Amino acid sequence: MEKVYRNFVVGLLVLTVLAPLGLLAVGETFGEWGPDQLKEKIGFVPQGLEKLSGIWNAPLSDYCIQGEESQTGKVGAYILTAVIGVVVCAGVLFFVGKKVAKD
């Protein structure tokens, strides 16, 4: 593997392992609000958000595996979601890059 790719992969692995540091943060995550929390914060829910909020439900909502509430389970779920995100993004970028390079 070329040095650039190796460094990139090592960097992604480090960030993936560091993802559970978010569990140590106090308070809530900025911008990850549902319609209820948004109404609490600003007093109303934008019409478009209200209409579209039920379309997508995250498969691993709150970065958690259903029924797993222990701290170890949360850390594992955070790492799992980070790995899934990296794999999906890398796959999309790889196939788009191949398509662009072919043209």
PDB file of N, CA and C in Angstrom:
ATOM      1  N   MET A   1       0.851  -1.174   0.000  1.00  0.00           N
ATOM      2  CA  MET A   1       0.000   0.000   0.000  1.00  0.00           C
ATOM      3  C   MET A   1       0.897   1.238   0.000  1.00  0.00           C
ATOM      4  N   GLU A   2       0.507   2.213  -0.791  1.00  0.00           N
ATOM      5  CA  GLU A   2       1.289   3.440  -0.842  1.00  0.00           C
ATOM      6  C   GLU A   2       1.251   4.152   0.505  1.00  0.00           C
ATOM      7  N   LYS A   3       2.290   4.946   0.748  1.00  0.00           N
ATOM      8  CA  LYS A   3       2.409   5.623   2.040  1.00  0.00           C
ATOM      9  C   LYS A   3       1.222   6.553   2.314  1.00  0.00           C
ATOM     10  N   VAL A   4       0.747   7.251   1.292  1.00  0.00           N
ATOM     11  CA  VAL A   4      -0.375   8.175   1.469  1.00  0.00           C
ATOM     12  C   VAL A   4      -1.628   7.417   1.899  1.00  0.00           C
ATOM     13  N   TYR A   5      -1.904   6.304   1.221  1.00  0.00           N
ATOM     14  CA  TYR A   5      -3.077   5.507   1.561  1.00  0.00           C
ATOM     15  C   TYR A   5      -2.942   4.901   2.957  1.00  0.00           C
ATOM     16  N   ARG A   6      -1.733   4.446   3.266  1.00  0.00           N
ATOM     17  CA  ARG A   6      -1.500   3.853   4.582  1.00  0.00           C
ATOM     18  C   ARG A   6      -1.750   4.893   5.677  1.00  0.00           C
ATOM     19  N   ASN A   7      -1.228   6.100   5.494  1.00  0.00           N
ATOM     20  CA  ASN A   7      -1.447   7.169   6.480  1.00  0.00           C
ATOM     21  C   ASN A   7      -2.926   7.521   6.595  1.00  0.00           C
ATOM     22  N   PHE A   8      -3.620   7.525   5.476  1.00  0.00           N
ATOM     23  CA  PHE A   8      -5.051   7.817   5.480  1.00  0.00           C
ATOM     24  C   PHE A   8      -5.815   6.753   6.260  1.00  0.00           C
ATOM     25  N   VAL A   9      -5.503   5.496   6.009  1.00  0.00           N
ATOM     26  CA  VAL A   9      -6.175   4.393   6.695  1.00  0.00           C
ATOM     27  C   VAL A   9      -5.860   4.418   8.188  1.00  0.00           C
ATOM     28  N   VAL A  10      -4.611   4.686   8.547  1.00  0.00           N
ATOM     29  CA  VAL A  10      -4.241   4.770   9.968  1.00  0.00           C
ATOM     30  C   VAL A  10      -4.997   5.912  10.636  1.00  0.00           C
ATOM     31  N   GLY A  11      -5.096   7.059   9.966  1.00  0.00           N
ATOM     32  CA  GLY A  11      -5.849   8.187  10.513  1.00  0.00           C
ATOM     33  C   GLY A  11      -7.317   7.851  10.724  1.00  0.00           C
ATOM     34  N   LEU A  12      -7.936   7.180   9.759  1.00  0.00           N
ATOM     35  CA  LEU A  12      -9.333   6.771   9.907  1.00  0.00           C
ATOM     36  C   LEU A  12      -9.509   5.790  11.059  1.00  0.00           C
ATOM     37  N   LEU A  13      -8.576   4.856  11.209  1.00  0.00           N
ATOM     38  CA  LEU A  13      -8.657   3.900  12.312  1.00  0.00           C
ATOM     39  C   LEU A  13      -8.546   4.599  13.664  1.00  0.00           C
ATOM     40  N   VAL A  14      -7.645   5.572  13.767  1.00  0.00           N
ATOM     41  CA  VAL A  14      -7.486   6.321  15.018  1.00  0.00           C
ATOM     42  C   VAL A  14      -8.771   7.082  15.337  1.00  0.00           C
ATOM     43  N   LEU A  15      -9.344   7.757  14.339  1.00  0.00           N
ATOM     44  CA  LEU A  15     -10.591   8.496  14.561  1.00  0.00           C
ATOM     45  C   LEU A  15     -11.739   7.569  14.926  1.00  0.00           C
ATOM     46  N   THR A  16     -11.770   6.387  14.332  1.00  0.00           N
ATOM     47  CA  THR A  16     -12.810   5.407  14.643  1.00  0.00           C
ATOM     48  C   THR A  16     -12.716   4.959  16.094  1.00  0.00           C
ATOM     49  N   VAL A  17     -11.505   4.706  16.557  1.00  0.00           N
ATOM     50  CA  VAL A  17     -11.312   4.265  17.939  1.00  0.00           C
ATOM     51  C   VAL A  17     -11.596   5.409  18.917  1.00  0.00           C
ATOM     52  N   LEU A  18     -11.333   6.649  18.503  1.00  0.00           N
ATOM     53  CA  LEU A  18     -11.573   7.796  19.383  1.00  0.00           C
ATOM     54  C   LEU A  18     -13.041   8.235  19.401  1.00  0.00           C
ATOM     55  N   ALA A  19     -13.868   7.695  18.532  1.00  0.00           N
ATOM     56  CA  ALA A  19     -15.282   8.089  18.447  1.00  0.00           C
ATOM     57  C   ALA A  19     -16.011   8.012  19.784  1.00  0.00           C
ATOM     58  N   PRO A  20     -15.761   7.020  20.633  1.00  0.00           N
ATOM     59  CA  PRO A  20     -16.492   6.959  21.910  1.00  0.00           C
ATOM     60  C   PRO A  20     -16.174   8.093  22.884  1.00  0.00           C
ATOM     61  N   LEU A  21     -15.199   8.929  22.580  1.00  0.00           N
ATOM     62  CA  LEU A  21     -14.933  10.072  23.464  1.00  0.00           C
ATOM     63  C   LEU A  21     -16.154  10.970  23.578  1.00  0.00           C
ATOM     64  N   GLY A  22     -17.042  10.912  22.592  1.00  0.00           N
ATOM     65  CA  GLY A  22     -18.279  11.689  22.651  1.00  0.00           C
ATOM     66  C   GLY A  22     -19.151  11.306  23.836  1.00  0.00           C
ATOM     67  N   LEU A  23     -18.965  10.096  24.347  1.00  0.00           N
ATOM     68  CA  LEU A  23     -19.740   9.669  25.518  1.00  0.00           C
ATOM     69  C   LEU A  23     -19.325  10.418  26.770  1.00  0.00           C
ATOM     70  N   LEU A  24     -18.124  10.980  26.778  1.00  0.00           N
ATOM     71  CA  LEU A  24     -17.644  11.712  27.946  1.00  0.00           C
ATOM     72  C   LEU A  24     -18.152  13.150  27.977  1.00  0.00           C
ATOM     73  N   ALA A  25     -18.666  13.629  26.858  1.00  0.00           N
ATOM     74  CA  ALA A  25     -19.130  15.010  26.773  1.00  0.00           C
ATOM     75  C   ALA A  25     -20.347  15.228  27.669  1.00  0.00           C
ATOM     76  N   VAL A  26     -20.403  16.412  28.234  1.00  0.00           N
ATOM     77  CA  VAL A  26     -21.525  16.774  29.086  1.00  0.00           C
ATOM     78  C   VAL A  26     -22.581  17.470  28.235  1.00  0.00           C
ATOM     79  N   GLY A  27     -23.824  17.182  28.495  1.00  0.00           N
ATOM     80  CA  GLY A  27     -24.904  17.848  27.765  1.00  0.00           C
ATOM     81  C   GLY A  27     -25.291  17.073  26.525  1.00  0.00           C
ATOM     82  N   GLU A  28     -25.800  17.796  25.547  1.00  0.00           N
ATOM     83  CA  GLU A  28     -26.312  17.160  24.343  1.00  0.00           C
ATOM     84  C   GLU A  28     -25.443  17.517  23.144  1.00  0.00           C
ATOM     85  N   THR A  29     -25.624  16.767  22.088  1.00  0.00           N
ATOM     86  CA  THR A  29     -24.875  17.000  20.863  1.00  0.00           C
ATOM     87  C   THR A  29     -25.558  18.094  20.060  1.00  0.00           C
ATOM     88  N   PHE A  30     -24.779  19.080  19.632  1.00  0.00           N
ATOM     89  CA  PHE A  30     -25.323  20.201  18.887  1.00  0.00           C
ATOM     90  C   PHE A  30     -25.885  19.725  17.544  1.00  0.00           C
ATOM     91  N   GLY A  31     -27.106  20.117  17.253  1.00  0.00           N
ATOM     92  CA  GLY A  31     -27.700  19.862  15.955  1.00  0.00           C
ATOM     93  C   GLY A  31     -28.363  18.510  15.789  1.00  0.00           C
ATOM     94  N   GLU A  32     -28.319  17.659  16.774  1.00  0.00           N
ATOM     95  CA  GLU A  32     -28.965  16.348  16.666  1.00  0.00           C
ATOM     96  C   GLU A  32     -30.300  16.354  17.395  1.00  0.00           C
ATOM     97  N   TRP A  33     -31.104  17.351  17.095  1.00  0.00           N
ATOM     98  CA  TRP A  33     -32.369  17.516  17.780  1.00  0.00           C
ATOM     99  C   TRP A  33     -33.514  17.019  16.902  1.00  0.00           C
ATOM    100  N   GLY A  34     -34.481  16.409  17.542  1.00  0.00           N
ATOM    101  CA  GLY A  34     -35.721  16.054  16.868  1.00  0.00           C
ATOM    102  C   GLY A  34     -36.684  17.227  16.968  1.00  0.00           C
ATOM    103  N   PRO A  35     -37.852  17.096  16.374  1.00  0.00           N
ATOM    104  CA  PRO A  35     -38.823  18.189  16.413  1.00  0.00           C
ATOM    105  C   PRO A  35     -39.196  18.617  17.837  1.00  0.00           C
ATOM    106  N   ASP A  36     -39.309  17.658  18.763  1.00  0.00           N
ATOM    107  CA  ASP A  36     -39.677  18.009  20.141  1.00  0.00           C
ATOM    108  C   ASP A  36     -38.621  18.872  20.811  1.00  0.00           C
ATOM    109  N   GLN A  37     -37.351  18.464  20.672  1.00  0.00           N
ATOM    110  CA  GLN A  37     -36.274  19.240  21.294  1.00  0.00           C
ATOM    111  C   GLN A  37     -36.138  20.613  20.634  1.00  0.00           C
ATOM    112  N   LEU A  38     -36.342  20.674  19.328  1.00  0.00           N
ATOM    113  CA  LEU A  38     -36.235  21.946  18.626  1.00  0.00           C
ATOM    114  C   LEU A  38     -37.328  22.904  19.070  1.00  0.00           C
ATOM    115  N   LYS A  39     -38.540  22.385  19.254  1.00  0.00           N
ATOM    116  CA  LYS A  39     -39.641  23.236  19.728  1.00  0.00           C
ATOM    117  C   LYS A  39     -39.331  23.770  21.120  1.00  0.00           C
ATOM    118  N   GLU A  40     -38.712  22.934  21.943  1.00  0.00           N
ATOM    119  CA  GLU A  40     -38.317  23.354  23.287  1.00  0.00           C
ATOM    120  C   GLU A  40     -37.291  24.484  23.237  1.00  0.00           C
ATOM    121  N   LYS A  41     -36.354  24.402  22.271  1.00  0.00           N
ATOM    122  CA  LYS A  41     -35.253  25.364  22.197  1.00  0.00           C
ATOM    123  C   LYS A  41     -35.655  26.691  21.563  1.00  0.00           C
ATOM    124  N   ILE A  42     -36.391  26.630  20.438  1.00  0.00           N
ATOM    125  CA  ILE A  42     -36.679  27.875  19.729  1.00  0.00           C
ATOM    126  C   ILE A  42     -38.149  28.255  19.722  1.00  0.00           C
ATOM    127  N   GLY A  43     -39.003  27.381  20.262  1.00  0.00           N
ATOM    128  CA  GLY A  43     -40.407  27.735  20.401  1.00  0.00           C
ATOM    129  C   GLY A  43     -41.316  27.286  19.268  1.00  0.00           C
ATOM    130  N   PHE A  44     -40.744  26.781  18.176  1.00  0.00           N
ATOM    131  CA  PHE A  44     -41.567  26.284  17.074  1.00  0.00           C
ATOM    132  C   PHE A  44     -40.770  25.254  16.280  1.00  0.00           C
ATOM    133  N   VAL A  45     -41.464  24.534  15.429  1.00  0.00           N
ATOM    134  CA  VAL A  45     -40.813  23.568  14.547  1.00  0.00           C
ATOM    135  C   VAL A  45     -41.030  24.046  13.114  1.00  0.00           C
ATOM    136  N   PRO A  46     -39.954  24.236  12.345  1.00  0.00           N
ATOM    137  CA  PRO A  46     -40.136  24.653  10.957  1.00  0.00           C
ATOM    138  C   PRO A  46     -41.047  23.677  10.209  1.00  0.00           C
ATOM    139  N   GLN A  47     -41.873  24.216   9.325  1.00  0.00           N
ATOM    140  CA  GLN A  47     -42.890  23.420   8.638  1.00  0.00           C
ATOM    141  C   GLN A  47     -42.273  22.254   7.868  1.00  0.00           C
ATOM    142  N   GLY A  48     -41.194  22.484   7.167  1.00  0.00           N
ATOM    143  CA  GLY A  48     -40.561  21.418   6.388  1.00  0.00           C
ATOM    144  C   GLY A  48     -40.035  20.304   7.276  1.00  0.00           C
ATOM    145  N   LEU A  49     -39.443  20.664   8.406  1.00  0.00           N
ATOM    146  CA  LEU A  49     -38.927  19.651   9.330  1.00  0.00           C
ATOM    147  C   LEU A  49     -40.062  18.832   9.912  1.00  0.00           C
ATOM    148  N   GLU A  50     -41.124  19.506  10.259  1.00  0.00           N
ATOM    149  CA  GLU A  50     -42.269  18.804  10.836  1.00  0.00           C
ATOM    150  C   GLU A  50     -42.853  17.800   9.833  1.00  0.00           C
ATOM    151  N   LYS A  51     -42.908  18.211   8.569  1.00  0.00           N
ATOM    152  CA  LYS A  51     -43.484  17.362   7.546  1.00  0.00           C
ATOM    153  C   LYS A  51     -42.578  16.165   7.212  1.00  0.00           C
ATOM    154  N   LEU A  52     -41.275  16.370   7.228  1.00  0.00           N
ATOM    155  CA  LEU A  52     -40.345  15.337   6.782  1.00  0.00           C
ATOM    156  C   LEU A  52     -39.688  14.543   7.914  1.00  0.00           C
ATOM    157  N   SER A  53     -39.955  14.896   9.154  1.00  0.00           N
ATOM    158  CA  SER A  53     -39.227  14.279  10.266  1.00  0.00           C
ATOM    159  C   SER A  53     -39.487  12.790  10.435  1.00  0.00           C
ATOM    160  N   GLY A  54     -40.596  12.281   9.977  1.00  0.00           N
ATOM    161  CA  GLY A  54     -40.895  10.866  10.150  1.00  0.00           C
ATOM    162  C   GLY A  54     -40.424   9.980   9.013  1.00  0.00           C
ATOM    163  N   ILE A  55     -39.788  10.554   7.990  1.00  0.00           N
ATOM    164  CA  ILE A  55     -39.390   9.772   6.815  1.00  0.00           C
ATOM    165  C   ILE A  55     -38.263   8.795   7.136  1.00  0.00           C
ATOM    166  N   TRP A  56     -37.296   9.206   7.925  1.00  0.00           N
ATOM    167  CA  TRP A  56     -36.099   8.386   8.166  1.00  0.00           C
ATOM    168  C   TRP A  56     -35.954   8.095   9.645  1.00  0.00           C
ATOM    169  N   ASN A  57     -35.776   6.836   9.959  1.00  0.00           N
ATOM    170  CA  ASN A  57     -35.430   6.428  11.316  1.00  0.00           C
ATOM    171  C   ASN A  57     -34.087   5.726  11.260  1.00  0.00           C
ATOM    172  N   ALA A  58     -33.147   6.202  12.035  1.00  0.00           N
ATOM    173  CA  ALA A  58     -31.791   5.651  12.004  1.00  0.00           C
ATOM    174  C   ALA A  58     -31.785   4.205  12.471  1.00  0.00           C
ATOM    175  N   PRO A  59     -31.034   3.339  11.773  1.00  0.00           N
ATOM    176  CA  PRO A  59     -30.981   1.934  12.182  1.00  0.00           C
ATOM    177  C   PRO A  59     -30.322   1.745  13.554  1.00  0.00           C
ATOM    178  N   LEU A  60     -29.382   2.593  13.892  1.00  0.00           N
ATOM    179  CA  LEU A  60     -28.738   2.547  15.213  1.00  0.00           C
ATOM    180  C   LEU A  60     -28.987   3.886  15.903  1.00  0.00           C
ATOM    181  N   SER A  61     -30.238   4.170  16.228  1.00  0.00           N
ATOM    182  CA  SER A  61     -30.574   5.458  16.813  1.00  0.00           C
ATOM    183  C   SER A  61     -29.838   5.668  18.130  1.00  0.00           C
ATOM    184  N   ASP A  62     -29.432   6.880  18.349  1.00  0.00           N
ATOM    185  CA  ASP A  62     -28.642   7.266  19.523  1.00  0.00           C
ATOM    186  C   ASP A  62     -27.341   6.482  19.616  1.00  0.00           C
ATOM    187  N   TYR A  63     -26.842   5.999  18.474  1.00  0.00           N
ATOM    188  CA  TYR A  63     -25.590   5.239  18.416  1.00  0.00           C
ATOM    189  C   TYR A  63     -25.611   4.071  19.386  1.00  0.00           C
ATOM    190  N   CYS A  64     -26.725   3.432  19.529  1.00  0.00           N
ATOM    191  CA  CYS A  64     -26.891   2.397  20.537  1.00  0.00           C
ATOM    192  C   CYS A  64     -27.537   1.166  19.923  1.00  0.00           C
ATOM    193  N   ILE A  65     -27.142   0.007  20.414  1.00  0.00           N
ATOM    194  CA  ILE A  65     -27.747  -1.247  19.999  1.00  0.00           C
ATOM    195  C   ILE A  65     -28.941  -1.490  20.911  1.00  0.00           C
ATOM    196  N   GLN A  66     -30.068  -1.855  20.324  1.00  0.00           N
ATOM    197  CA  GLN A  66     -31.289  -2.054  21.106  1.00  0.00           C
ATOM    198  C   GLN A  66     -31.042  -2.980  22.290  1.00  0.00           C
ATOM    199  N   GLY A  67     -31.442  -2.554  23.473  1.00  0.00           N
ATOM    200  CA  GLY A  67     -31.346  -3.383  24.671  1.00  0.00           C
ATOM    201  C   GLY A  67     -29.995  -3.350  25.356  1.00  0.00           C
ATOM    202  N   GLU A  68     -29.013  -2.682  24.776  1.00  0.00           N
ATOM    203  CA  GLU A  68     -27.674  -2.640  25.375  1.00  0.00           C
ATOM    204  C   GLU A  68     -27.468  -1.278  26.031  1.00  0.00           C
ATOM    205  N   GLU A  69     -27.551  -1.229  27.333  1.00  0.00           N
ATOM    206  CA  GLU A  69     -27.460   0.038  28.047  1.00  0.00           C
ATOM    207  C   GLU A  69     -26.174   0.202  28.850  1.00  0.00           C
ATOM    208  N   SER A  70     -25.330  -0.833  28.908  1.00  0.00           N
ATOM    209  CA  SER A  70     -24.095  -0.722  29.691  1.00  0.00           C
ATOM    210  C   SER A  70     -23.115   0.216  28.995  1.00  0.00           C
ATOM    211  N   GLN A  71     -22.177   0.755  29.748  1.00  0.00           N
ATOM    212  CA  GLN A  71     -21.178   1.668  29.186  1.00  0.00           C
ATOM    213  C   GLN A  71     -20.324   0.946  28.135  1.00  0.00           C
ATOM    214  N   THR A  72     -19.982  -0.306  28.394  1.00  0.00           N
ATOM    215  CA  THR A  72     -19.201  -1.085  27.428  1.00  0.00           C
ATOM    216  C   THR A  72     -19.990  -1.267  26.136  1.00  0.00           C
ATOM    217  N   GLY A  73     -21.280  -1.534  26.269  1.00  0.00           N
ATOM    218  CA  GLY A  73     -22.126  -1.679  25.085  1.00  0.00           C
ATOM    219  C   GLY A  73     -22.221  -0.392  24.294  1.00  0.00           C
ATOM    220  N   LYS A  74     -22.278   0.747  24.985  1.00  0.00           N
ATOM    221  CA  LYS A  74     -22.350   2.036  24.301  1.00  0.00           C
ATOM    222  C   LYS A  74     -21.055   2.321  23.544  1.00  0.00           C
ATOM    223  N   VAL A  75     -19.923   2.013  24.175  1.00  0.00           N
ATOM    224  CA  VAL A  75     -18.637   2.220  23.507  1.00  0.00           C
ATOM    225  C   VAL A  75     -18.555   1.328  22.274  1.00  0.00           C
ATOM    226  N   GLY A  76     -18.956   0.072  22.414  1.00  0.00           N
ATOM    227  CA  GLY A  76     -18.957  -0.844  21.276  1.00  0.00           C
ATOM    228  C   GLY A  76     -19.863  -0.364  20.158  1.00  0.00           C
ATOM    229  N   ALA A  77     -21.032   0.147  20.518  1.00  0.00           N
ATOM    230  CA  ALA A  77     -21.974   0.651  19.518  1.00  0.00           C
ATOM    231  C   ALA A  77     -21.415   1.888  18.824  1.00  0.00           C
ATOM    232  N   TYR A  78     -20.752   2.764  19.572  1.00  0.00           N
ATOM    233  CA  TYR A  78     -20.134   3.952  18.973  1.00  0.00           C
ATOM    234  C   TYR A  78     -19.082   3.539  17.956  1.00  0.00           C
ATOM    235  N   ILE A  79     -18.232   2.575  18.334  1.00  0.00           N
ATOM    236  CA  ILE A  79     -17.195   2.118  17.411  1.00  0.00           C
ATOM    237  C   ILE A  79     -17.841   1.435  16.205  1.00  0.00           C
ATOM    238  N   LEU A  80     -18.869   0.632  16.432  1.00  0.00           N
ATOM    239  CA  LEU A  80     -19.562  -0.041  15.331  1.00  0.00           C
ATOM    240  C   LEU A  80     -20.153   0.975  14.352  1.00  0.00           C
ATOM    241  N   THR A  81     -20.803   2.013  14.856  1.00  0.00           N
ATOM    242  CA  THR A  81     -21.383   3.011  13.960  1.00  0.00           C
ATOM    243  C   THR A  81     -20.291   3.789  13.228  1.00  0.00           C
ATOM    244  N   ALA A  82     -19.164   4.038  13.901  1.00  0.00           N
ATOM    245  CA  ALA A  82     -18.043   4.712  13.227  1.00  0.00           C
ATOM    246  C   ALA A  82     -17.497   3.839  12.102  1.00  0.00           C
ATOM    247  N   VAL A  83     -17.331   2.551  12.353  1.00  0.00           N
ATOM    248  CA  VAL A  83     -16.826   1.636  11.327  1.00  0.00           C
ATOM    249  C   VAL A  83     -17.804   1.570  10.156  1.00  0.00           C
ATOM    250  N   ILE A  84     -19.092   1.451  10.452  1.00  0.00           N
ATOM    251  CA  ILE A  84     -20.093   1.409   9.383  1.00  0.00           C
ATOM    252  C   ILE A  84     -20.042   2.691   8.559  1.00  0.00           C
ATOM    253  N   GLY A  85     -19.957   3.822   9.219  1.00  0.00           N
ATOM    254  CA  GLY A  85     -19.881   5.102   8.507  1.00  0.00           C
ATOM    255  C   GLY A  85     -18.655   5.212   7.628  1.00  0.00           C
ATOM    256  N   VAL A  86     -17.507   4.785   8.146  1.00  0.00           N
ATOM    257  CA  VAL A  86     -16.268   4.834   7.367  1.00  0.00           C
ATOM    258  C   VAL A  86     -16.369   3.913   6.156  1.00  0.00           C
ATOM    259  N   VAL A  87     -16.879   2.694   6.355  1.00  0.00           N
ATOM    260  CA  VAL A  87     -16.980   1.734   5.258  1.00  0.00           C
ATOM    261  C   VAL A  87     -17.940   2.240   4.182  1.00  0.00           C
ATOM    262  N   VAL A  88     -19.088   2.763   4.590  1.00  0.00           N
ATOM    263  CA  VAL A  88     -20.060   3.262   3.611  1.00  0.00           C
ATOM    264  C   VAL A  88     -19.479   4.445   2.842  1.00  0.00           C
ATOM    265  N   CYS A  89     -18.903   5.410   3.551  1.00  0.00           N
ATOM    266  CA  CYS A  89     -18.332   6.589   2.878  1.00  0.00           C
ATOM    267  C   CYS A  89     -17.172   6.201   1.958  1.00  0.00           C
ATOM    268  N   ALA A  90     -16.286   5.332   2.444  1.00  0.00           N
ATOM    269  CA  ALA A  90     -15.157   4.898   1.623  1.00  0.00           C
ATOM    270  C   ALA A  90     -15.642   4.155   0.385  1.00  0.00           C
ATOM    271  N   GLY A  91     -16.666   3.308   0.544  1.00  0.00           N
ATOM    272  CA  GLY A  91     -17.207   2.580  -0.603  1.00  0.00           C
ATOM    273  C   GLY A  91     -17.798   3.506  -1.641  1.00  0.00           C
ATOM    274  N   VAL A  92     -18.578   4.472  -1.186  1.00  0.00           N
ATOM    275  CA  VAL A  92     -19.189   5.432  -2.118  1.00  0.00           C
ATOM    276  C   VAL A  92     -18.096   6.224  -2.830  1.00  0.00           C
ATOM    277  N   LEU A  93     -17.115   6.727  -2.078  1.00  0.00           N
ATOM    278  CA  LEU A  93     -16.025   7.494  -2.690  1.00  0.00           C
ATOM    279  C   LEU A  93     -15.226   6.640  -3.666  1.00  0.00           C
ATOM    280  N   PHE A  94     -15.003   5.386  -3.327  1.00  0.00           N
ATOM    281  CA  PHE A  94     -14.251   4.490  -4.204  1.00  0.00           C
ATOM    282  C   PHE A  94     -14.977   4.308  -5.535  1.00  0.00           C
ATOM    283  N   PHE A  95     -16.273   3.983  -5.477  1.00  0.00           N
ATOM    284  CA  PHE A  95     -17.020   3.738  -6.706  1.00  0.00           C
ATOM    285  C   PHE A  95     -17.233   5.015  -7.520  1.00  0.00           C
ATOM    286  N   VAL A  96     -17.443   6.136  -6.866  1.00  0.00           N
ATOM    287  CA  VAL A  96     -17.556   7.410  -7.587  1.00  0.00           C
ATOM    288  C   VAL A  96     -16.224   7.756  -8.227  1.00  0.00           C
ATOM    289  N   GLY A  97     -15.135   7.549  -7.489  1.00  0.00           N
ATOM    290  CA  GLY A  97     -13.795   7.804  -8.043  1.00  0.00           C
ATOM    291  C   GLY A  97     -13.498   6.936  -9.249  1.00  0.00           C
ATOM    292  N   LYS A  98     -13.871   5.667  -9.184  1.00  0.00           N
ATOM    293  CA  LYS A  98     -13.674   4.773 -10.326  1.00  0.00           C
ATOM    294  C   LYS A  98     -14.483   5.245 -11.535  1.00  0.00           C
ATOM    295  N   LYS A  99     -15.710   5.672 -11.278  1.00  0.00           N
ATOM    296  CA  LYS A  99     -16.591   6.146 -12.359  1.00  0.00           C
ATOM    297  C   LYS A  99     -16.028   7.412 -12.984  1.00  0.00           C
ATOM    298  N   VAL A 100     -15.576   8.346 -12.155  1.00  0.00           N
ATOM    299  CA  VAL A 100     -15.022   9.598 -12.661  1.00  0.00           C
ATOM    300  C   VAL A 100     -13.718   9.346 -13.427  1.00  0.00           C
ATOM    301  N   ALA A 101     -12.878   8.455 -12.898  1.00  0.00           N
ATOM    302  CA  ALA A 101     -11.594   8.157 -13.547  1.00  0.00           C
ATOM    303  C   ALA A 101     -11.806   7.456 -14.886  1.00  0.00           C
ATOM    304  N   LYS A 102     -12.878   6.696 -14.993  1.00  0.00           N
ATOM    305  CA  LYS A 102     -13.159   5.968 -16.237  1.00  0.00           C
ATOM    306  C   LYS A 102     -13.572   6.924 -17.341  1.00  0.00           C
ATOM    307  N   ASP A 103     -14.289   7.995 -17.000  1.00  0.00           N
ATOM    308  CA  ASP A 103     -14.792   8.953 -18.005  1.00  0.00           C
ATOM    309  C   ASP A 103     -13.705   9.844 -18.450  1.00  0.00           C
TER     310      ASP A 103
END
